[in-house]
Amino acid sequence: QVQLVESGGGLVQPGGSLRLTCATSLSEFTFNNYGFDWYRQAPGKERDLVAHISSGGDRTNYADSVKGRFVISREFAERSVYLQMNSLIPEDTGMYYCHAKRRFSSSYWWGSGTLVTVSA
């Protein structure tokens, strides 16, 4: 069982920034066995992949809608994953979920999400 706790969401004006944190329950021996994703679910819509970072941290991928504005990163010392969101637009509004997948395995876990609202 892997616990993921998201934080950092809130209300922000268009053009503003937020940094989301996904704190994991993984140990120093297991953290680097997991790749992580941030997903977004807008009201009334499906949950979509926003950003991915590999288990080694050497590969990242982004949805076209956030490229150049969002940056995903991971910190071994904190066993956490981050999503830096800049130049936010109203279309970025939604629940943001952290997702962890163990490499070479079908096992995965979800956090409970943090709400981001971009509005004037």
N, C-alpha and C. Protein backbone atom coordinates (compact mmCIF):
# COMPACT_ATOMS: atom_id res chain seq x y z
N GLN A 1 0.84 -1.18 0.00
CA GLN A 1 0.00 0.00 0.00
C GLN A 1 0.88 1.24 0.00
N VAL A 2 0.61 2.15 -0.92
CA VAL A 2 1.34 3.41 -1.01
C VAL A 2 0.35 4.54 -0.76
N GLN A 3 0.67 5.41 0.16
CA GLN A 3 -0.19 6.57 0.44
C GLN A 3 0.37 7.79 -0.26
N LEU A 4 -0.51 8.52 -0.91
CA LEU A 4 -0.16 9.74 -1.62
C LEU A 4 -1.05 10.86 -1.10
N VAL A 5 -0.46 11.96 -0.69
CA VAL A 5 -1.22 13.08 -0.15
C VAL A 5 -0.86 14.34 -0.92
N GLU A 6 -1.85 14.87 -1.65
CA GLU A 6 -1.63 16.09 -2.42
C GLU A 6 -1.93 17.32 -1.58
N SER A 7 -1.22 18.40 -1.87
CA SER A 7 -1.47 19.68 -1.22
C SER A 7 -1.02 20.80 -2.15
N GLY A 8 -1.41 22.02 -1.78
CA GLY A 8 -0.95 23.18 -2.55
C GLY A 8 -1.99 23.79 -3.47
N GLY A 9 -3.16 23.16 -3.57
CA GLY A 9 -4.20 23.72 -4.40
C GLY A 9 -4.81 24.96 -3.76
N GLY A 10 -5.66 25.63 -4.53
CA GLY A 10 -6.31 26.82 -4.01
C GLY A 10 -6.88 27.66 -5.13
N LEU A 11 -7.30 28.87 -4.76
CA LEU A 11 -7.84 29.82 -5.72
C LEU A 11 -6.74 30.77 -6.17
N VAL A 12 -6.59 30.93 -7.46
CA VAL A 12 -5.54 31.80 -8.00
C VAL A 12 -6.11 32.56 -9.20
N GLN A 13 -5.63 33.76 -9.41
CA GLN A 13 -6.08 34.56 -10.55
C GLN A 13 -5.38 34.10 -11.83
N PRO A 14 -6.01 34.32 -12.97
CA PRO A 14 -5.34 33.99 -14.24
C PRO A 14 -3.99 34.68 -14.33
N GLY A 15 -3.01 33.93 -14.82
CA GLY A 15 -1.64 34.43 -14.89
C GLY A 15 -0.81 34.10 -13.67
N GLY A 16 -1.45 33.61 -12.63
CA GLY A 16 -0.75 33.29 -11.39
C GLY A 16 -0.08 31.93 -11.42
N SER A 17 0.51 31.57 -10.29
CA SER A 17 1.26 30.32 -10.17
C SER A 17 0.85 29.57 -8.90
N LEU A 18 0.98 28.27 -8.96
CA LEU A 18 0.80 27.40 -7.80
C LEU A 18 1.81 26.27 -7.89
N ARG A 19 2.18 25.76 -6.72
CA ARG A 19 3.05 24.58 -6.68
C ARG A 19 2.34 23.49 -5.90
N LEU A 20 2.04 22.39 -6.57
CA LEU A 20 1.40 21.26 -5.93
C LEU A 20 2.47 20.29 -5.42
N THR A 21 2.17 19.69 -4.29
CA THR A 21 3.05 18.69 -3.69
C THR A 21 2.30 17.38 -3.53
N CYS A 22 2.98 16.30 -3.85
CA CYS A 22 2.48 14.94 -3.60
C CYS A 22 3.45 14.28 -2.65
N ALA A 23 3.06 14.18 -1.40
CA ALA A 23 3.89 13.53 -0.39
C ALA A 23 3.58 12.04 -0.38
N THR A 24 4.62 11.22 -0.45
CA THR A 24 4.41 9.78 -0.51
C THR A 24 4.83 9.11 0.80
N SER A 25 4.34 7.89 0.97
CA SER A 25 4.72 7.10 2.15
C SER A 25 5.87 6.15 1.82
N LEU A 26 6.47 6.33 0.66
CA LEU A 26 7.54 5.44 0.22
C LEU A 26 8.82 5.68 1.03
N SER A 27 9.61 4.64 1.14
CA SER A 27 10.86 4.73 1.88
C SER A 27 12.01 5.11 0.94
N GLU A 28 13.17 5.33 1.53
CA GLU A 28 14.36 5.64 0.72
C GLU A 28 14.75 4.45 -0.14
N PHE A 29 14.24 3.28 0.18
CA PHE A 29 14.60 2.08 -0.58
C PHE A 29 13.63 1.80 -1.72
N THR A 30 12.47 2.46 -1.71
CA THR A 30 11.45 2.15 -2.70
C THR A 30 11.06 3.34 -3.58
N PHE A 31 11.36 4.55 -3.16
CA PHE A 31 10.90 5.74 -3.89
C PHE A 31 11.33 5.70 -5.36
N ASN A 32 12.56 5.32 -5.62
CA ASN A 32 13.07 5.33 -6.99
C ASN A 32 12.59 4.17 -7.84
N ASN A 33 11.70 3.34 -7.28
CA ASN A 33 11.08 2.27 -8.06
C ASN A 33 9.76 2.70 -8.70
N TYR A 34 9.39 3.96 -8.47
CA TYR A 34 8.08 4.43 -8.91
C TYR A 34 8.18 5.60 -9.87
N GLY A 35 7.39 5.53 -10.93
CA GLY A 35 7.14 6.70 -11.77
C GLY A 35 5.87 7.37 -11.26
N PHE A 36 5.76 8.67 -11.52
CA PHE A 36 4.64 9.44 -11.00
C PHE A 36 3.99 10.28 -12.10
N ASP A 37 2.71 10.50 -11.90
CA ASP A 37 1.94 11.33 -12.82
C ASP A 37 1.09 12.31 -12.02
N TRP A 38 0.79 13.42 -12.67
CA TRP A 38 -0.26 14.32 -12.21
C TRP A 38 -1.39 14.25 -13.23
N TYR A 39 -2.60 14.03 -12.73
CA TYR A 39 -3.79 14.03 -13.56
C TYR A 39 -4.68 15.20 -13.13
N ARG A 40 -5.52 15.63 -14.06
CA ARG A 40 -6.47 16.71 -13.78
C ARG A 40 -7.86 16.26 -14.21
N GLN A 41 -8.83 16.57 -13.35
CA GLN A 41 -10.23 16.30 -13.70
C GLN A 41 -11.02 17.58 -13.55
N ALA A 42 -11.41 18.15 -14.68
CA ALA A 42 -12.23 19.35 -14.68
C ALA A 42 -13.68 18.97 -14.38
N PRO A 43 -14.47 19.91 -13.88
CA PRO A 43 -15.87 19.60 -13.57
C PRO A 43 -16.61 19.03 -14.77
N GLY A 44 -17.24 17.87 -14.57
CA GLY A 44 -18.02 17.25 -15.64
C GLY A 44 -17.22 16.58 -16.73
N LYS A 45 -15.90 16.45 -16.53
CA LYS A 45 -15.06 15.86 -17.56
C LYS A 45 -14.28 14.68 -17.01
N GLU A 46 -13.63 13.96 -17.91
CA GLU A 46 -12.84 12.82 -17.51
C GLU A 46 -11.50 13.27 -16.92
N ARG A 47 -10.87 12.34 -16.23
CA ARG A 47 -9.56 12.60 -15.64
C ARG A 47 -8.50 12.43 -16.73
N ASP A 48 -7.71 13.47 -16.94
CA ASP A 48 -6.72 13.47 -18.01
C ASP A 48 -5.30 13.59 -17.46
N LEU A 49 -4.36 12.97 -18.15
CA LEU A 49 -2.96 13.05 -17.76
C LEU A 49 -2.42 14.44 -18.07
N VAL A 50 -1.76 15.03 -17.09
CA VAL A 50 -1.16 16.36 -17.25
C VAL A 50 0.35 16.26 -17.42
N ALA A 51 0.99 15.45 -16.55
CA ALA A 51 2.45 15.36 -16.59
C ALA A 51 2.90 14.04 -16.01
N HIS A 52 4.05 13.56 -16.50
CA HIS A 52 4.63 12.29 -16.05
C HIS A 52 6.12 12.50 -15.80
N ILE A 53 6.62 11.82 -14.77
CA ILE A 53 8.06 11.78 -14.54
C ILE A 53 8.45 10.33 -14.29
N SER A 54 9.54 9.92 -14.91
CA SER A 54 9.97 8.53 -14.80
C SER A 54 10.55 8.22 -13.42
N SER A 55 10.73 6.93 -13.16
CA SER A 55 11.25 6.52 -11.86
C SER A 55 12.65 7.09 -11.60
N GLY A 56 13.43 7.25 -12.65
CA GLY A 56 14.76 7.81 -12.49
C GLY A 56 14.80 9.32 -12.55
N GLY A 57 13.68 9.92 -12.88
CA GLY A 57 13.61 11.37 -12.98
C GLY A 57 14.23 11.94 -14.24
N ASP A 58 14.66 11.06 -15.16
CA ASP A 58 15.35 11.55 -16.35
C ASP A 58 14.44 11.80 -17.53
N ARG A 59 13.19 11.38 -17.42
CA ARG A 59 12.23 11.59 -18.50
C ARG A 59 10.96 12.21 -17.97
N THR A 60 10.49 13.23 -18.67
CA THR A 60 9.23 13.87 -18.35
C THR A 60 8.40 14.01 -19.62
N ASN A 61 7.09 14.00 -19.44
CA ASN A 61 6.16 14.20 -20.55
C ASN A 61 5.03 15.09 -20.06
N TYR A 62 4.51 15.89 -20.99
CA TYR A 62 3.44 16.82 -20.63
C TYR A 62 2.32 16.78 -21.66
N ALA A 63 1.11 17.04 -21.19
CA ALA A 63 0.00 17.27 -22.11
C ALA A 63 0.30 18.54 -22.91
N ASP A 64 -0.14 18.55 -24.15
CA ASP A 64 0.12 19.72 -25.00
C ASP A 64 -0.41 21.01 -24.37
N SER A 65 -1.51 20.91 -23.65
CA SER A 65 -2.15 22.10 -23.09
C SER A 65 -1.34 22.77 -21.99
N VAL A 66 -0.36 22.06 -21.42
CA VAL A 66 0.42 22.64 -20.31
C VAL A 66 1.90 22.78 -20.63
N LYS A 67 2.33 22.32 -21.80
CA LYS A 67 3.75 22.41 -22.16
C LYS A 67 4.22 23.86 -22.12
N GLY A 68 5.38 24.06 -21.50
CA GLY A 68 5.94 25.39 -21.38
C GLY A 68 5.42 26.17 -20.19
N ARG A 69 4.39 25.65 -19.51
CA ARG A 69 3.82 26.34 -18.35
C ARG A 69 3.98 25.53 -17.06
N PHE A 70 3.91 24.21 -17.16
CA PHE A 70 3.99 23.33 -15.99
C PHE A 70 5.31 22.58 -15.99
N VAL A 71 5.82 22.31 -14.80
CA VAL A 71 7.04 21.51 -14.65
C VAL A 71 6.82 20.48 -13.54
N ILE A 72 7.05 19.22 -13.87
CA ILE A 72 6.96 18.15 -12.86
C ILE A 72 8.37 17.83 -12.39
N SER A 73 8.51 17.56 -11.11
CA SER A 73 9.82 17.21 -10.55
C SER A 73 9.63 16.27 -9.38
N ARG A 74 10.72 15.66 -8.94
CA ARG A 74 10.68 14.75 -7.81
C ARG A 74 11.89 15.00 -6.92
N GLU A 75 11.71 14.79 -5.62
CA GLU A 75 12.77 15.04 -4.66
C GLU A 75 12.93 13.80 -3.78
N PHE A 76 14.08 13.14 -3.92
CA PHE A 76 14.32 11.91 -3.16
C PHE A 76 14.33 12.16 -1.66
N ALA A 77 14.98 13.24 -1.23
CA ALA A 77 15.13 13.50 0.20
C ALA A 77 13.77 13.65 0.89
N GLU A 78 12.81 14.22 0.16
CA GLU A 78 11.48 14.42 0.72
C GLU A 78 10.52 13.30 0.34
N ARG A 79 10.95 12.41 -0.56
CA ARG A 79 10.06 11.39 -1.11
C ARG A 79 8.75 12.02 -1.60
N SER A 80 8.92 13.09 -2.33
CA SER A 80 7.77 13.84 -2.82
C SER A 80 7.91 14.15 -4.30
N VAL A 81 6.77 14.47 -4.88
CA VAL A 81 6.70 14.86 -6.30
C VAL A 81 5.98 16.20 -6.36
N TYR A 82 6.41 17.05 -7.28
CA TYR A 82 5.88 18.40 -7.34
C TYR A 82 5.35 18.72 -8.74
N LEU A 83 4.43 19.65 -8.79
CA LEU A 83 3.97 20.19 -10.07
C LEU A 83 3.96 21.72 -9.94
N GLN A 84 4.92 22.35 -10.59
CA GLN A 84 4.96 23.81 -10.63
C GLN A 84 4.10 24.27 -11.79
N MET A 85 3.10 25.07 -11.49
CA MET A 85 2.15 25.53 -12.50
C MET A 85 2.25 27.04 -12.63
N ASN A 86 2.63 27.51 -13.80
CA ASN A 86 2.78 28.94 -14.07
C ASN A 86 1.81 29.38 -15.16
N SER A 87 1.62 30.67 -15.25
CA SER A 87 0.74 31.24 -16.29
C SER A 87 -0.59 30.52 -16.34
N LEU A 88 -1.19 30.37 -15.17
CA LEU A 88 -2.43 29.60 -15.09
C LEU A 88 -3.56 30.30 -15.82
N ILE A 89 -4.41 29.48 -16.42
CA ILE A 89 -5.58 29.96 -17.16
C ILE A 89 -6.82 29.27 -16.57
N PRO A 90 -8.01 29.83 -16.79
CA PRO A 90 -9.23 29.22 -16.23
C PRO A 90 -9.40 27.75 -16.62
N GLU A 91 -8.92 27.38 -17.79
CA GLU A 91 -9.04 25.98 -18.24
C GLU A 91 -8.20 25.01 -17.41
N ASP A 92 -7.33 25.52 -16.58
CA ASP A 92 -6.53 24.67 -15.69
C ASP A 92 -7.30 24.29 -14.42
N THR A 93 -8.47 24.83 -14.26
CA THR A 93 -9.29 24.54 -13.08
C THR A 93 -9.67 23.07 -13.03
N GLY A 94 -9.58 22.48 -11.84
CA GLY A 94 -9.97 21.09 -11.66
C GLY A 94 -9.32 20.49 -10.44
N MET A 95 -9.68 19.23 -10.19
CA MET A 95 -9.03 18.45 -9.14
C MET A 95 -7.76 17.85 -9.73
N TYR A 96 -6.67 18.00 -9.01
CA TYR A 96 -5.39 17.46 -9.44
C TYR A 96 -5.04 16.26 -8.57
N TYR A 97 -4.77 15.15 -9.24
CA TYR A 97 -4.50 13.89 -8.55
C TYR A 97 -3.07 13.41 -8.83
N CYS A 98 -2.46 12.91 -7.80
CA CYS A 98 -1.15 12.27 -7.92
C CYS A 98 -1.36 10.77 -8.14
N HIS A 99 -0.57 10.21 -9.02
CA HIS A 99 -0.67 8.79 -9.37
C HIS A 99 0.72 8.20 -9.35
N ALA A 100 0.86 7.06 -8.70
CA ALA A 100 2.16 6.39 -8.60
C ALA A 100 2.06 5.00 -9.20
N LYS A 101 3.04 4.64 -10.02
CA LYS A 101 3.07 3.30 -10.61
C LYS A 101 4.44 2.70 -10.41
N ARG A 102 4.45 1.50 -9.85
CA ARG A 102 5.70 0.80 -9.64
C ARG A 102 6.19 0.25 -10.97
N ARG A 103 7.45 0.46 -11.28
CA ARG A 103 7.98 -0.02 -12.55
C ARG A 103 8.04 -1.54 -12.55
N PHE A 104 7.90 -2.10 -13.77
CA PHE A 104 7.90 -3.54 -13.99
C PHE A 104 6.78 -4.22 -13.21
N SER A 105 5.69 -3.49 -12.97
CA SER A 105 4.57 -4.02 -12.20
C SER A 105 3.29 -3.35 -12.67
N SER A 106 2.16 -4.01 -12.41
CA SER A 106 0.87 -3.42 -12.73
C SER A 106 0.29 -2.66 -11.54
N SER A 107 1.03 -2.57 -10.45
CA SER A 107 0.52 -1.93 -9.23
C SER A 107 0.58 -0.41 -9.36
N TYR A 108 -0.49 0.24 -8.93
CA TYR A 108 -0.54 1.69 -8.97
C TYR A 108 -1.45 2.19 -7.84
N TRP A 109 -1.27 3.46 -7.49
CA TRP A 109 -2.04 4.09 -6.42
C TRP A 109 -2.41 5.51 -6.79
N TRP A 110 -3.51 5.99 -6.20
CA TRP A 110 -4.00 7.35 -6.40
C TRP A 110 -4.05 8.09 -5.07
N GLY A 111 -3.81 9.39 -5.14
CA GLY A 111 -4.11 10.24 -4.00
C GLY A 111 -5.56 10.69 -4.08
N SER A 112 -5.98 11.48 -3.08
CA SER A 112 -7.37 11.93 -3.02
C SER A 112 -7.60 13.26 -3.71
N GLY A 113 -6.52 13.91 -4.14
CA GLY A 113 -6.65 15.11 -4.96
C GLY A 113 -6.59 16.41 -4.19
N THR A 114 -6.25 17.46 -4.93
CA THR A 114 -6.26 18.83 -4.40
C THR A 114 -6.90 19.72 -5.46
N LEU A 115 -7.76 20.64 -5.02
CA LEU A 115 -8.55 21.44 -5.95
C LEU A 115 -7.81 22.71 -6.33
N VAL A 116 -7.74 22.95 -7.63
CA VAL A 116 -7.17 24.19 -8.17
C VAL A 116 -8.28 24.94 -8.90
N THR A 117 -8.47 26.19 -8.52
CA THR A 117 -9.46 27.03 -9.18
C THR A 117 -8.77 28.29 -9.71
N VAL A 118 -8.87 28.50 -11.01
CA VAL A 118 -8.26 29.67 -11.63
C VAL A 118 -9.40 30.60 -12.06
N SER A 119 -9.51 31.72 -11.38
CA SER A 119 -10.64 32.61 -11.63
C SER A 119 -10.29 34.02 -11.18
N ALA A 120 -10.82 34.98 -11.90
CA ALA A 120 -10.64 36.38 -11.51
C ALA A 120 -11.65 36.76 -10.43
